Amino acid sequence: MPADNPPAPETALGLVAEALRLERAERNASALAAYDRALALDPDCEPAWMRKAMLLEELDRDHEAVIVYAELLHRHPHNTAALSNQAGLLLRLGRPDAALESLDLALAADPGNLLFVLNKGLLLLQGLDRPADALPLLERAAKAGIPEAHEPLAWCKEALA
């Protein structure tokens, strides 16, 4: 059998690996089909849901990605990476309140994640114009040494002055 035509994977995770290979080759339609086959084999395959949602985002198919993230989070509600990605997507779609809900769930599941703290502070400051609520989060991120927190923290303090 030629090396460029390996046998079709027989497991959901094998199909995810195949889909990733297809993504690297920029064969995105085939990659999406492989994720769908993986999910047909195992509807709870977390990596297939996640990669499918991320690929849809990369393809600017945001409304489809929202649906995929919703299904992933229905099946795996504490997937903090999916919650964080969903928050960014919802913000891009002009839904900052829904984005905040996703970040709140991510922080509830992983309260020590400073990236989530920073992102919530940025969302409160820039997306929802709530500098007073953003201040403690941005201070926490800056104190922890996250350099991306310093400039928004200064804006926040200026807005509250």
C-alpha atoms as a PDB file:
ATOM      1  CA  MET A   1       0.000   0.000   0.000  1.00  0.00           C
ATOM      2  CA  PRO A   2       1.468   3.431  -0.925  1.00  0.00           C
ATOM      3  CA  ALA A   3       2.621   5.647   1.945  1.00  0.00           C
ATOM      4  CA  ASP A   4       0.420   8.540   0.785  1.00  0.00           C
ATOM      5  CA  ASN A   5      -2.734   6.411   1.209  1.00  0.00           C
ATOM      6  CA  PRO A   6      -2.544   4.984   4.731  1.00  0.00           C
ATOM      7  CA  PRO A   7      -5.395   2.754   5.889  1.00  0.00           C
ATOM      8  CA  ALA A   8      -8.429   4.600   7.208  1.00  0.00           C
ATOM      9  CA  PRO A   9      -8.374   4.970  11.005  1.00  0.00           C
ATOM     10  CA  GLU A  10     -10.835   2.777  12.847  1.00  0.00           C
ATOM     11  CA  THR A  11     -11.160   4.736  16.101  1.00  0.00           C
ATOM     12  CA  ALA A  12     -12.394   8.205  16.942  1.00  0.00           C
ATOM     13  CA  LEU A  13      -8.949   9.275  18.159  1.00  0.00           C
ATOM     14  CA  GLY A  14      -7.378   7.810  15.026  1.00  0.00           C
ATOM     15  CA  LEU A  15      -9.760   9.907  12.962  1.00  0.00           C
ATOM     16  CA  VAL A  16      -8.838  12.998  14.983  1.00  0.00           C
ATOM     17  CA  ALA A  17      -5.166  12.331  14.229  1.00  0.00           C
ATOM     18  CA  GLU A  18      -6.061  11.937  10.549  1.00  0.00           C
ATOM     19  CA  ALA A  19      -8.054  15.189  10.637  1.00  0.00           C
ATOM     20  CA  LEU A  20      -5.081  17.035  12.133  1.00  0.00           C
ATOM     21  CA  ARG A  21      -2.871  15.701   9.315  1.00  0.00           C
ATOM     22  CA  LEU A  22      -5.478  16.931   6.820  1.00  0.00           C
ATOM     23  CA  GLU A  23      -5.568  20.350   8.496  1.00  0.00           C
ATOM     24  CA  ARG A  24      -1.789  20.660   8.208  1.00  0.00           C
ATOM     25  CA  ALA A  25      -2.169  19.860   4.502  1.00  0.00           C
ATOM     26  CA  GLU A  26      -4.868  22.572   4.290  1.00  0.00           C
ATOM     27  CA  ARG A  27      -7.472  20.020   3.294  1.00  0.00           C
ATOM     28  CA  ASN A  28     -10.031  21.567   5.599  1.00  0.00           C
ATOM     29  CA  ALA A  29     -13.194  20.055   4.099  1.00  0.00           C
ATOM     30  CA  SER A  30     -11.668  16.602   4.456  1.00  0.00           C
ATOM     31  CA  ALA A  31     -10.565  17.418   8.010  1.00  0.00           C
ATOM     32  CA  LEU A  32     -14.094  18.476   8.957  1.00  0.00           C
ATOM     33  CA  ALA A  33     -15.430  15.256   7.450  1.00  0.00           C
ATOM     34  CA  ALA A  34     -12.920  13.253   9.504  1.00  0.00           C
ATOM     35  CA  TYR A  35     -14.024  15.033  12.691  1.00  0.00           C
ATOM     36  CA  ASP A  36     -17.627  14.207  11.814  1.00  0.00           C
ATOM     37  CA  ARG A  37     -16.706  10.535  11.298  1.00  0.00           C
ATOM     38  CA  ALA A  38     -14.920  10.535  14.653  1.00  0.00           C
ATOM     39  CA  LEU A  39     -18.007  11.964  16.331  1.00  0.00           C
ATOM     40  CA  ALA A  40     -20.210   9.393  14.606  1.00  0.00           C
ATOM     41  CA  LEU A  41     -18.027   6.677  16.155  1.00  0.00           C
ATOM     42  CA  ASP A  42     -17.842   8.350  19.562  1.00  0.00           C
ATOM     43  CA  PRO A  43     -20.241  11.247  20.183  1.00  0.00           C
ATOM     44  CA  ASP A  44     -18.368  12.082  23.403  1.00  0.00           C
ATOM     45  CA  CYS A  45     -14.934  12.396  21.759  1.00  0.00           C
ATOM     46  CA  GLU A  46     -13.811  15.642  23.351  1.00  0.00           C
ATOM     47  CA  PRO A  47     -10.794  16.233  21.064  1.00  0.00           C
ATOM     48  CA  ALA A  48     -12.959  15.842  17.953  1.00  0.00           C
ATOM     49  CA  TRP A  49     -15.475  18.417  19.185  1.00  0.00           C
ATOM     50  CA  MET A  50     -12.721  20.826  20.208  1.00  0.00           C
ATOM     51  CA  ARG A  51     -10.679  20.588  17.019  1.00  0.00           C
ATOM     52  CA  LYS A  52     -13.809  20.827  14.857  1.00  0.00           C
ATOM     53  CA  ALA A  53     -14.866  24.028  16.646  1.00  0.00           C
ATOM     54  CA  MET A  54     -11.372  25.501  16.348  1.00  0.00           C
ATOM     55  CA  LEU A  55     -11.164  24.670  12.649  1.00  0.00           C
ATOM     56  CA  LEU A  56     -14.554  26.233  12.015  1.00  0.00           C
ATOM     57  CA  GLU A  57     -13.315  29.390  13.755  1.00  0.00           C
ATOM     58  CA  GLU A  58     -10.164  29.406  11.621  1.00  0.00           C
ATOM     59  CA  LEU A  59     -12.388  29.162   8.545  1.00  0.00           C
ATOM     60  CA  ASP A  60     -14.467  32.156   9.754  1.00  0.00           C
ATOM     61  CA  ARG A  61     -17.493  29.914  10.159  1.00  0.00           C
ATOM     62  CA  ASP A  62     -18.165  31.402  13.578  1.00  0.00           C
ATOM     63  CA  HIS A  63     -21.867  30.643  13.837  1.00  0.00           C
ATOM     64  CA  GLU A  64     -21.188  26.963  13.177  1.00  0.00           C
ATOM     65  CA  ALA A  65     -18.361  27.026  15.712  1.00  0.00           C
ATOM     66  CA  VAL A  66     -20.733  28.408  18.364  1.00  0.00           C
ATOM     67  CA  ILE A  67     -22.996  25.403  17.845  1.00  0.00           C
ATOM     68  CA  VAL A  68     -20.075  22.975  18.083  1.00  0.00           C
ATOM     69  CA  TYR A  69     -18.768  24.609  21.281  1.00  0.00           C
ATOM     70  CA  ALA A  70     -22.278  24.436  22.755  1.00  0.00           C
ATOM     71  CA  GLU A  71     -22.482  20.712  22.038  1.00  0.00           C
ATOM     72  CA  LEU A  72     -18.981  20.116  23.388  1.00  0.00           C
ATOM     73  CA  LEU A  73     -19.809  21.999  26.581  1.00  0.00           C
ATOM     74  CA  HIS A  74     -23.130  20.188  26.915  1.00  0.00           C
ATOM     75  CA  ARG A  75     -21.168  16.923  26.944  1.00  0.00           C
ATOM     76  CA  HIS A  76     -18.090  18.204  28.833  1.00  0.00           C
ATOM     77  CA  PRO A  77     -19.190  21.269  30.830  1.00  0.00           C
ATOM     78  CA  HIS A  78     -15.869  21.733  32.625  1.00  0.00           C
ATOM     79  CA  ASN A  79     -13.666  21.902  29.529  1.00  0.00           C
ATOM     80  CA  THR A  80     -11.998  25.192  30.395  1.00  0.00           C
ATOM     81  CA  ALA A  81     -10.207  25.521  27.051  1.00  0.00           C
ATOM     82  CA  ALA A  82     -13.548  25.266  25.254  1.00  0.00           C
ATOM     83  CA  LEU A  83     -15.109  27.777  27.652  1.00  0.00           C
ATOM     84  CA  SER A  84     -12.275  30.233  27.058  1.00  0.00           C
ATOM     85  CA  ASN A  85     -12.349  29.774  23.280  1.00  0.00           C
ATOM     86  CA  GLN A  86     -16.121  30.121  23.290  1.00  0.00           C
ATOM     87  CA  ALA A  87     -15.819  33.382  25.243  1.00  0.00           C
ATOM     88  CA  GLY A  88     -13.496  34.867  22.631  1.00  0.00           C
ATOM     89  CA  LEU A  89     -15.787  33.755  19.841  1.00  0.00           C
ATOM     90  CA  LEU A  90     -18.883  35.157  21.532  1.00  0.00           C
ATOM     91  CA  LEU A  91     -17.113  38.469  22.073  1.00  0.00           C
ATOM     92  CA  ARG A  92     -16.199  38.631  18.365  1.00  0.00           C
ATOM     93  CA  LEU A  93     -19.846  37.954  17.557  1.00  0.00           C
ATOM     94  CA  GLY A  94     -20.896  40.976  19.645  1.00  0.00           C
ATOM     95  CA  ARG A  95     -22.192  38.980  22.617  1.00  0.00           C
ATOM     96  CA  PRO A  96     -20.056  40.232  25.532  1.00  0.00           C
ATOM     97  CA  ASP A  97     -22.539  39.173  28.228  1.00  0.00           C
ATOM     98  CA  ALA A  98     -22.518  35.594  26.943  1.00  0.00           C
ATOM     99  CA  ALA A  99     -18.712  35.764  26.708  1.00  0.00           C
ATOM    100  CA  LEU A 100     -18.591  36.833  30.353  1.00  0.00           C
ATOM    101  CA  GLU A 101     -20.751  33.846  31.325  1.00  0.00           C
ATOM    102  CA  SER A 102     -18.282  31.510  29.591  1.00  0.00           C
ATOM    103  CA  LEU A 103     -15.310  33.109  31.331  1.00  0.00           C
ATOM    104  CA  ASP A 104     -17.090  32.921  34.684  1.00  0.00           C
ATOM    105  CA  LEU A 105     -17.621  29.176  34.159  1.00  0.00           C
ATOM    106  CA  ALA A 106     -13.974  28.733  33.140  1.00  0.00           C
ATOM    107  CA  LEU A 107     -12.818  30.599  36.252  1.00  0.00           C
ATOM    108  CA  ALA A 108     -15.167  28.601  38.473  1.00  0.00           C
ATOM    109  CA  ALA A 109     -13.586  25.413  37.139  1.00  0.00           C
ATOM    110  CA  ASP A 110     -10.011  26.764  37.311  1.00  0.00           C
ATOM    111  CA  PRO A 111      -9.878  29.808  39.625  1.00  0.00           C
ATOM    112  CA  GLY A 112      -6.088  29.959  39.576  1.00  0.00           C
ATOM    113  CA  ASN A 113      -5.826  30.313  35.800  1.00  0.00           C
ATOM    114  CA  LEU A 114      -4.333  33.773  35.382  1.00  0.00           C
ATOM    115  CA  LEU A 115      -5.079  33.877  31.656  1.00  0.00           C
ATOM    116  CA  PHE A 116      -8.778  33.568  32.473  1.00  0.00           C
ATOM    117  CA  VAL A 117      -8.398  36.279  35.136  1.00  0.00           C
ATOM    118  CA  LEU A 118      -6.717  38.585  32.615  1.00  0.00           C
ATOM    119  CA  ASN A 119      -9.287  37.849  29.908  1.00  0.00           C
ATOM    120  CA  LYS A 120     -12.183  38.516  32.259  1.00  0.00           C
ATOM    121  CA  GLY A 121     -10.575  41.790  33.333  1.00  0.00           C
ATOM    122  CA  LEU A 122     -10.092  42.815  29.707  1.00  0.00           C
ATOM    123  CA  LEU A 123     -13.660  41.859  28.839  1.00  0.00           C
ATOM    124  CA  LEU A 124     -15.049  43.848  31.746  1.00  0.00           C
ATOM    125  CA  LEU A 125     -12.889  46.850  30.885  1.00  0.00           C
ATOM    126  CA  GLN A 126     -13.105  46.931  27.104  1.00  0.00           C
ATOM    127  CA  GLY A 127     -16.124  44.835  26.179  1.00  0.00           C
ATOM    128  CA  LEU A 128     -18.540  45.858  28.918  1.00  0.00           C
ATOM    129  CA  ASP A 129     -17.121  49.225  30.075  1.00  0.00           C
ATOM    130  CA  ARG A 130     -17.030  48.146  33.712  1.00  0.00           C
ATOM    131  CA  PRO A 131     -13.631  49.394  34.912  1.00  0.00           C
ATOM    132  CA  ALA A 132     -14.490  49.112  38.605  1.00  0.00           C
ATOM    133  CA  ASP A 133     -15.187  45.394  38.170  1.00  0.00           C
ATOM    134  CA  ALA A 134     -12.121  44.937  35.972  1.00  0.00           C
ATOM    135  CA  LEU A 135      -9.687  46.622  38.369  1.00  0.00           C
ATOM    136  CA  PRO A 136      -9.152  43.790  40.896  1.00  0.00           C
ATOM    137  CA  LEU A 137      -8.758  41.229  38.133  1.00  0.00           C
ATOM    138  CA  LEU A 138      -6.223  43.289  36.208  1.00  0.00           C
ATOM    139  CA  GLU A 139      -4.335  44.060  39.436  1.00  0.00           C
ATOM    140  CA  ARG A 140      -4.204  40.334  40.232  1.00  0.00           C
ATOM    141  CA  ALA A 141      -2.885  39.513  36.750  1.00  0.00           C
ATOM    142  CA  ALA A 142      -0.300  42.313  36.856  1.00  0.00           C
ATOM    143  CA  LYS A 143       0.842  41.325  40.359  1.00  0.00           C
ATOM    144  CA  ALA A 144       1.293  37.753  39.108  1.00  0.00           C
ATOM    145  CA  GLY A 145       3.673  39.077  36.465  1.00  0.00           C
ATOM    146  CA  ILE A 146       1.535  38.909  33.338  1.00  0.00           C
ATOM    147  CA  PRO A 147       2.955  41.732  31.209  1.00  0.00           C
ATOM    148  CA  GLU A 148      -0.217  42.025  29.080  1.00  0.00           C
ATOM    149  CA  ALA A 149      -2.055  43.243  32.202  1.00  0.00           C
ATOM    150  CA  HIS A 150      -0.029  46.402  32.791  1.00  0.00           C
ATOM    151  CA  GLU A 151      -1.326  48.659  30.013  1.00  0.00           C
ATOM    152  CA  PRO A 152      -5.030  47.747  30.524  1.00  0.00           C
ATOM    153  CA  LEU A 153      -4.534  48.212  34.259  1.00  0.00           C
ATOM    154  CA  ALA A 154      -3.274  51.748  33.617  1.00  0.00           C
ATOM    155  CA  TRP A 155      -6.298  52.449  31.371  1.00  0.00           C
ATOM    156  CA  CYS A 156      -8.568  51.057  34.049  1.00  0.00           C
ATOM    157  CA  LYS A 157      -7.096  53.284  36.740  1.00  0.00           C
ATOM    158  CA  GLU A 158      -7.342  56.280  34.415  1.00  0.00           C
ATOM    159  CA  ALA A 159     -11.007  55.520  33.690  1.00  0.00           C
ATOM    160  CA  LEU A 160     -11.730  55.389  37.419  1.00  0.00           C
ATOM    161  CA  ALA A 161      -9.774  58.553  38.295  1.00  0.00           C
END
